[in-house]
Amino acid sequence: KLLYAIAYDKKMIKNSLFFHQEVTN
């Protein structure tokens, strides 16, 4: 089962898959 990570730290925001949608799909 895969879950999208939630960014609780501002440093992690850039790693959110929201900004990497094409690769993720």
PDB file of all heavy atoms in Angstrom:
ATOM      1  N   LYS A   1       0.852  -1.191   0.000  1.00  0.00           N
ATOM      2  CA  LYS A   1       0.000   0.000   0.000  1.00  0.00           C
ATOM      3  C   LYS A   1       0.882   1.233   0.000  1.00  0.00           C
ATOM      4  O   LYS A   1       1.819   1.348   0.798  1.00  0.00           O
ATOM      5  CB  LYS A   1      -0.888  -0.005   1.246  1.00  0.00           C
ATOM      6  CG  LYS A   1      -1.823   1.163   1.374  1.00  0.00           C
ATOM      7  CD  LYS A   1      -2.690   0.964   2.602  1.00  0.00           C
ATOM      8  CE  LYS A   1      -3.750   2.023   2.729  1.00  0.00           C
ATOM      9  NZ  LYS A   1      -4.626   1.776   3.889  1.00  0.00           N
ATOM     10  N   LEU A   2       0.598   2.161  -0.905  1.00  0.00           N
ATOM     11  CA  LEU A   2       1.358   3.411  -0.970  1.00  0.00           C
ATOM     12  C   LEU A   2       0.518   4.574  -0.467  1.00  0.00           C
ATOM     13  O   LEU A   2      -0.665   4.686  -0.791  1.00  0.00           O
ATOM     14  CB  LEU A   2       1.814   3.676  -2.413  1.00  0.00           C
ATOM     15  CG  LEU A   2       2.671   4.917  -2.633  1.00  0.00           C
ATOM     16  CD1 LEU A   2       3.730   4.665  -3.715  1.00  0.00           C
ATOM     17  CD2 LEU A   2       1.837   6.152  -3.005  1.00  0.00           C
ATOM     18  N   LEU A   3       1.155   5.435   0.313  1.00  0.00           N
ATOM     19  CA  LEU A   3       0.521   6.654   0.830  1.00  0.00           C
ATOM     20  C   LEU A   3       1.360   7.856   0.423  1.00  0.00           C
ATOM     21  O   LEU A   3       2.596   7.773   0.383  1.00  0.00           O
ATOM     22  CB  LEU A   3       0.428   6.618   2.362  1.00  0.00           C
ATOM     23  CG  LEU A   3      -0.215   5.404   3.019  1.00  0.00           C
ATOM     24  CD1 LEU A   3      -0.094   5.526   4.535  1.00  0.00           C
ATOM     25  CD2 LEU A   3      -1.673   5.297   2.622  1.00  0.00           C
ATOM     26  N   TYR A   4       0.708   8.971   0.134  1.00  0.00           N
ATOM     27  CA  TYR A   4       1.446  10.205  -0.095  1.00  0.00           C
ATOM     28  C   TYR A   4       1.928  10.739   1.255  1.00  0.00           C
ATOM     29  O   TYR A   4       1.171  10.809   2.225  1.00  0.00           O
ATOM     30  CB  TYR A   4       0.550  11.258  -0.736  1.00  0.00           C
ATOM     31  CG  TYR A   4       0.153  10.963  -2.172  1.00  0.00           C
ATOM     32  CD1 TYR A   4      -1.188  10.814  -2.525  1.00  0.00           C
ATOM     33  CD2 TYR A   4       1.109  10.861  -3.175  1.00  0.00           C
ATOM     34  CE1 TYR A   4      -1.560  10.565  -3.838  1.00  0.00           C
ATOM     35  CE2 TYR A   4       0.746  10.608  -4.488  1.00  0.00           C
ATOM     36  CZ  TYR A   4      -0.582  10.453  -4.816  1.00  0.00           C
ATOM     37  OH  TYR A   4      -0.945  10.205  -6.115  1.00  0.00           O
ATOM     38  N   ALA A   5       3.192  11.147   1.316  1.00  0.00           N
ATOM     39  CA  ALA A   5       3.713  11.740   2.541  1.00  0.00           C
ATOM     40  C   ALA A   5       3.107  13.121   2.757  1.00  0.00           C
ATOM     41  O   ALA A   5       2.853  13.863   1.802  1.00  0.00           O
ATOM     42  CB  ALA A   5       5.234  11.849   2.469  1.00  0.00           C
ATOM     43  N   ILE A   6       2.885  13.458   4.018  1.00  0.00           N
ATOM     44  CA  ILE A   6       2.427  14.789   4.395  1.00  0.00           C
ATOM     45  C   ILE A   6       3.633  15.566   4.922  1.00  0.00           C
ATOM     46  O   ILE A   6       4.373  15.048   5.766  1.00  0.00           O
ATOM     47  CB  ILE A   6       1.333  14.716   5.484  1.00  0.00           C
ATOM     48  CG1 ILE A   6       0.184  13.809   5.033  1.00  0.00           C
ATOM     49  CG2 ILE A   6       0.830  16.108   5.823  1.00  0.00           C
ATOM     50  CD1 ILE A   6      -0.496  14.219   3.765  1.00  0.00           C
ATOM     51  N   ALA A   7       3.843  16.757   4.443  1.00  0.00           N
ATOM     52  CA  ALA A   7       4.995  17.559   4.863  1.00  0.00           C
ATOM     53  C   ALA A   7       4.657  18.336   6.132  1.00  0.00           C
ATOM     54  O   ALA A   7       3.928  19.332   6.086  1.00  0.00           O
ATOM     55  CB  ALA A   7       5.400  18.521   3.746  1.00  0.00           C
ATOM     56  N   TYR A   8       5.193  17.873   7.259  1.00  0.00           N
ATOM     57  CA  TYR A   8       4.980  18.570   8.535  1.00  0.00           C
ATOM     58  C   TYR A   8       6.081  19.596   8.808  1.00  0.00           C
ATOM     59  O   TYR A   8       5.946  20.441   9.678  1.00  0.00           O
ATOM     60  CB  TYR A   8       4.910  17.562   9.687  1.00  0.00           C
ATOM     61  CG  TYR A   8       3.654  16.731   9.651  1.00  0.00           C
ATOM     62  CD1 TYR A   8       3.661  15.434   9.137  1.00  0.00           C
ATOM     63  CD2 TYR A   8       2.440  17.249  10.092  1.00  0.00           C
ATOM     64  CE1 TYR A   8       2.495  14.680   9.075  1.00  0.00           C
ATOM     65  CE2 TYR A   8       1.276  16.508  10.036  1.00  0.00           C
ATOM     66  CZ  TYR A   8       1.315  15.224   9.525  1.00  0.00           C
ATOM     67  OH  TYR A   8       0.158  14.485   9.460  1.00  0.00           O
ATOM     68  N   ASP A   9       7.164  19.477   8.068  1.00  0.00           N
ATOM     69  CA  ASP A   9       8.296  20.390   8.202  1.00  0.00           C
ATOM     70  C   ASP A   9       8.447  21.141   6.878  1.00  0.00           C
ATOM     71  O   ASP A   9       8.364  20.548   5.803  1.00  0.00           O
ATOM     72  CB  ASP A   9       9.565  19.581   8.497  1.00  0.00           C
ATOM     73  CG  ASP A   9      10.737  20.457   8.887  1.00  0.00           C
ATOM     74  OD1 ASP A   9      10.863  21.560   8.330  1.00  0.00           O
ATOM     75  OD2 ASP A   9      11.549  20.019   9.732  1.00  0.00           O
ATOM     76  N   LYS A  10       8.668  22.437   6.945  1.00  0.00           N
ATOM     77  CA  LYS A  10       8.800  23.241   5.727  1.00  0.00           C
ATOM     78  C   LYS A  10       9.913  22.719   4.825  1.00  0.00           C
ATOM     79  O   LYS A  10       9.850  22.848   3.602  1.00  0.00           O
ATOM     80  CB  LYS A  10       9.040  24.709   6.091  1.00  0.00           C
ATOM     81  CG  LYS A  10       7.831  25.391   6.713  1.00  0.00           C
ATOM     82  CD  LYS A  10       8.111  26.857   7.007  1.00  0.00           C
ATOM     83  CE  LYS A  10       6.875  27.537   7.596  1.00  0.00           C
ATOM     84  NZ  LYS A  10       7.112  28.962   7.912  1.00  0.00           N
ATOM     85  N   LYS A  11      10.938  22.109   5.438  1.00  0.00           N
ATOM     86  CA  LYS A  11      12.059  21.581   4.653  1.00  0.00           C
ATOM     87  C   LYS A  11      11.633  20.407   3.781  1.00  0.00           C
ATOM     88  O   LYS A  11      12.303  20.084   2.799  1.00  0.00           O
ATOM     89  CB  LYS A  11      13.189  21.148   5.583  1.00  0.00           C
ATOM     90  CG  LYS A  11      13.860  22.292   6.320  1.00  0.00           C
ATOM     91  CD  LYS A  11      15.009  21.809   7.168  1.00  0.00           C
ATOM     92  CE  LYS A  11      14.532  20.941   8.320  1.00  0.00           C
ATOM     93  NZ  LYS A  11      15.637  20.551   9.238  1.00  0.00           N
ATOM     94  N   MET A  12      10.520  19.764   4.132  1.00  0.00           N
ATOM     95  CA  MET A  12      10.066  18.584   3.400  1.00  0.00           C
ATOM     96  C   MET A  12       9.079  18.916   2.279  1.00  0.00           C
ATOM     97  O   MET A  12       8.723  18.045   1.489  1.00  0.00           O
ATOM     98  CB  MET A  12       9.410  17.592   4.369  1.00  0.00           C
ATOM     99  CG  MET A  12      10.370  16.934   5.351  1.00  0.00           C
ATOM    100  SD  MET A  12      11.647  15.970   4.513  1.00  0.00           S
ATOM    101  CE  MET A  12      10.652  14.728   3.672  1.00  0.00           C
ATOM    102  N   ILE A  13       8.640  20.165   2.218  1.00  0.00           N
ATOM    103  CA  ILE A  13       7.615  20.527   1.234  1.00  0.00           C
ATOM    104  C   ILE A  13       8.062  20.211  -0.186  1.00  0.00           C
ATOM    105  O   ILE A  13       7.310  19.661  -0.992  1.00  0.00           O
ATOM    106  CB  ILE A  13       7.239  22.023   1.363  1.00  0.00           C
ATOM    107  CG1 ILE A  13       6.526  22.276   2.696  1.00  0.00           C
ATOM    108  CG2 ILE A  13       6.352  22.457   0.195  1.00  0.00           C
ATOM    109  CD1 ILE A  13       6.183  23.736   2.946  1.00  0.00           C
ATOM    110  N   LYS A  14       9.315  20.532  -0.492  1.00  0.00           N
ATOM    111  CA  LYS A  14       9.815  20.321  -1.860  1.00  0.00           C
ATOM    112  C   LYS A  14       9.828  18.841  -2.241  1.00  0.00           C
ATOM    113  O   LYS A  14       9.865  18.494  -3.437  1.00  0.00           O
ATOM    114  CB  LYS A  14      11.215  20.899  -1.999  1.00  0.00           C
ATOM    115  CG  LYS A  14      12.284  20.220  -1.152  1.00  0.00           C
ATOM    116  CD  LYS A  14      13.638  20.873  -1.356  1.00  0.00           C
ATOM    117  CE  LYS A  14      14.741  20.173  -0.568  1.00  0.00           C
ATOM    118  NZ  LYS A  14      14.506  20.232   0.897  1.00  0.00           N
ATOM    119  N   ASN A  15       9.805  17.947  -1.249  1.00  0.00           N
ATOM    120  CA  ASN A  15       9.823  16.509  -1.527  1.00  0.00           C
ATOM    121  C   ASN A  15       8.427  15.926  -1.719  1.00  0.00           C
ATOM    122  O   ASN A  15       8.286  14.745  -2.048  1.00  0.00           O
ATOM    123  CB  ASN A  15      10.524  15.759  -0.379  1.00  0.00           C
ATOM    124  CG  ASN A  15      11.987  16.133  -0.266  1.00  0.00           C
ATOM    125  OD1 ASN A  15      12.686  16.246  -1.261  1.00  0.00           O
ATOM    126  ND2 ASN A  15      12.441  16.345   0.960  1.00  0.00           N
ATOM    127  N   SER A  16       7.400  16.745  -1.529  1.00  0.00           N
ATOM    128  CA  SER A  16       6.035  16.261  -1.708  1.00  0.00           C
ATOM    129  C   SER A  16       5.811  15.877  -3.164  1.00  0.00           C
ATOM    130  O   SER A  16       6.227  16.586  -4.095  1.00  0.00           O
ATOM    131  CB  SER A  16       5.031  17.348  -1.314  1.00  0.00           C
ATOM    132  OG  SER A  16       3.726  16.978  -1.724  1.00  0.00           O
ATOM    133  N   LEU A  17       5.126  14.770  -3.370  1.00  0.00           N
ATOM    134  CA  LEU A  17       4.861  14.321  -4.736  1.00  0.00           C
ATOM    135  C   LEU A  17       3.874  15.230  -5.464  1.00  0.00           C
ATOM    136  O   LEU A  17       3.703  15.096  -6.678  1.00  0.00           O
ATOM    137  CB  LEU A  17       4.355  12.879  -4.713  1.00  0.00           C
ATOM    138  CG  LEU A  17       5.422  11.856  -4.302  1.00  0.00           C
ATOM    139  CD1 LEU A  17       4.842  10.459  -4.273  1.00  0.00           C
ATOM    140  CD2 LEU A  17       6.625  11.917  -5.235  1.00  0.00           C
ATOM    141  N   PHE A  18       3.271  16.149  -4.753  1.00  0.00           N
ATOM    142  CA  PHE A  18       2.411  17.135  -5.413  1.00  0.00           C
ATOM    143  C   PHE A  18       3.211  17.914  -6.458  1.00  0.00           C
ATOM    144  O   PHE A  18       2.667  18.349  -7.473  1.00  0.00           O
ATOM    145  CB  PHE A  18       1.812  18.093  -4.386  1.00  0.00           C
ATOM    146  CG  PHE A  18       0.895  19.116  -4.983  1.00  0.00           C
ATOM    147  CD1 PHE A  18      -0.440  18.811  -5.223  1.00  0.00           C
ATOM    148  CD2 PHE A  18       1.355  20.383  -5.329  1.00  0.00           C
ATOM    149  CE1 PHE A  18      -1.299  19.757  -5.794  1.00  0.00           C
ATOM    150  CE2 PHE A  18       0.510  21.335  -5.904  1.00  0.00           C
ATOM    151  CZ  PHE A  18      -0.825  21.017  -6.131  1.00  0.00           C
ATOM    152  N   PHE A  19       4.505  18.078  -6.214  1.00  0.00           N
ATOM    153  CA  PHE A  19       5.371  18.816  -7.131  1.00  0.00           C
ATOM    154  C   PHE A  19       6.080  17.891  -8.129  1.00  0.00           C
ATOM    155  O   PHE A  19       6.947  18.345  -8.880  1.00  0.00           O
ATOM    156  CB  PHE A  19       6.402  19.616  -6.340  1.00  0.00           C
ATOM    157  CG  PHE A  19       5.788  20.596  -5.378  1.00  0.00           C
ATOM    158  CD1 PHE A  19       5.800  20.339  -4.019  1.00  0.00           C
ATOM    159  CD2 PHE A  19       5.179  21.752  -5.833  1.00  0.00           C
ATOM    160  CE1 PHE A  19       5.229  21.237  -3.125  1.00  0.00           C
ATOM    161  CE2 PHE A  19       4.601  22.651  -4.955  1.00  0.00           C
ATOM    162  CZ  PHE A  19       4.621  22.386  -3.599  1.00  0.00           C
ATOM    163  N   HIS A  20       5.718  16.621  -8.103  1.00  0.00           N
ATOM    164  CA  HIS A  20       6.348  15.636  -8.991  1.00  0.00           C
ATOM    165  C   HIS A  20       5.262  14.715  -9.548  1.00  0.00           C
ATOM    166  O   HIS A  20       5.364  13.493  -9.493  1.00  0.00           O
ATOM    167  CB  HIS A  20       7.406  14.827  -8.225  1.00  0.00           C
ATOM    168  CG  HIS A  20       8.434  15.682  -7.538  1.00  0.00           C
ATOM    169  ND1 HIS A  20       9.558  16.156  -8.181  1.00  0.00           N
ATOM    170  CD2 HIS A  20       8.489  16.181  -6.279  1.00  0.00           C
ATOM    171  CE1 HIS A  20      10.269  16.898  -7.346  1.00  0.00           C
ATOM    172  NE2 HIS A  20       9.639  16.925  -6.185  1.00  0.00           N
ATOM    173  N   GLN A  21       4.237  15.323 -10.075  1.00  0.00           N
ATOM    174  CA  GLN A  21       3.034  14.589 -10.454  1.00  0.00           C
ATOM    175  C   GLN A  21       3.238  13.674 -11.659  1.00  0.00           C
ATOM    176  O   GLN A  21       2.774  12.533 -11.671  1.00  0.00           O
ATOM    177  CB  GLN A  21       1.889  15.573 -10.714  1.00  0.00           C
ATOM    178  CG  GLN A  21       1.512  16.383  -9.479  1.00  0.00           C
ATOM    179  CD  GLN A  21       0.315  17.284  -9.705  1.00  0.00           C
ATOM    180  OE1 GLN A  21      -0.395  17.152 -10.700  1.00  0.00           O
ATOM    181  NE2 GLN A  21       0.067  18.198  -8.771  1.00  0.00           N
ATOM    182  N   GLU A  22       3.930  14.151 -12.674  1.00  0.00           N
ATOM    183  CA  GLU A  22       4.117  13.340 -13.881  1.00  0.00           C
ATOM    184  C   GLU A  22       4.928  12.086 -13.571  1.00  0.00           C
ATOM    185  O   GLU A  22       4.570  10.977 -13.996  1.00  0.00           O
ATOM    186  CB  GLU A  22       4.816  14.165 -14.966  1.00  0.00           C
ATOM    187  CG  GLU A  22       4.921  13.436 -16.295  1.00  0.00           C
ATOM    188  CD  GLU A  22       5.514  14.306 -17.399  1.00  0.00           C
ATOM    189  OE1 GLU A  22       5.632  15.535 -17.187  1.00  0.00           O
ATOM    190  OE2 GLU A  22       5.866  13.761 -18.457  1.00  0.00           O
ATOM    191  N   VAL A  23       6.005  12.252 -12.821  1.00  0.00           N
ATOM    192  CA  VAL A  23       6.835  11.108 -12.431  1.00  0.00           C
ATOM    193  C   VAL A  23       6.020  10.119 -11.612  1.00  0.00           C
ATOM    194  O   VAL A  23       6.079   8.905 -11.822  1.00  0.00           O
ATOM    195  CB  VAL A  23       8.065  11.583 -11.626  1.00  0.00           C
ATOM    196  CG1 VAL A  23       8.783  10.386 -10.999  1.00  0.00           C
ATOM    197  CG2 VAL A  23       9.016  12.358 -12.520  1.00  0.00           C
ATOM    198  N   THR A  24       5.240  10.645 -10.673  1.00  0.00           N
ATOM    199  CA  THR A  24       4.433   9.791  -9.797  1.00  0.00           C
ATOM    200  C   THR A  24       3.446   8.956 -10.598  1.00  0.00           C
ATOM    201  O   THR A  24       3.334   7.732 -10.405  1.00  0.00           O
ATOM    202  CB  THR A  24       3.670  10.647  -8.773  1.00  0.00           C
ATOM    203  OG1 THR A  24       4.605  11.389  -7.989  1.00  0.00           O
ATOM    204  CG2 THR A  24       2.823   9.772  -7.860  1.00  0.00           C
ATOM    205  N   ASN A  25       2.726   9.577 -11.505  1.00  0.00           N
ATOM    206  CA  ASN A  25       1.746   8.847 -12.307  1.00  0.00           C
ATOM    207  C   ASN A  25       2.406   7.777 -13.165  1.00  0.00           C
ATOM    208  O   ASN A  25       1.857   6.686 -13.351  1.00  0.00           O
ATOM    209  CB  ASN A  25       0.950   9.818 -13.174  1.00  0.00           C
ATOM    210  CG  ASN A  25      -0.032  10.656 -12.366  1.00  0.00           C
ATOM    211  OD1 ASN A  25      -0.327  10.356 -11.218  1.00  0.00           O
ATOM    212  ND2 ASN A  25      -0.551  11.708 -12.979  1.00  0.00           N
TER     213      ASN A  25
END
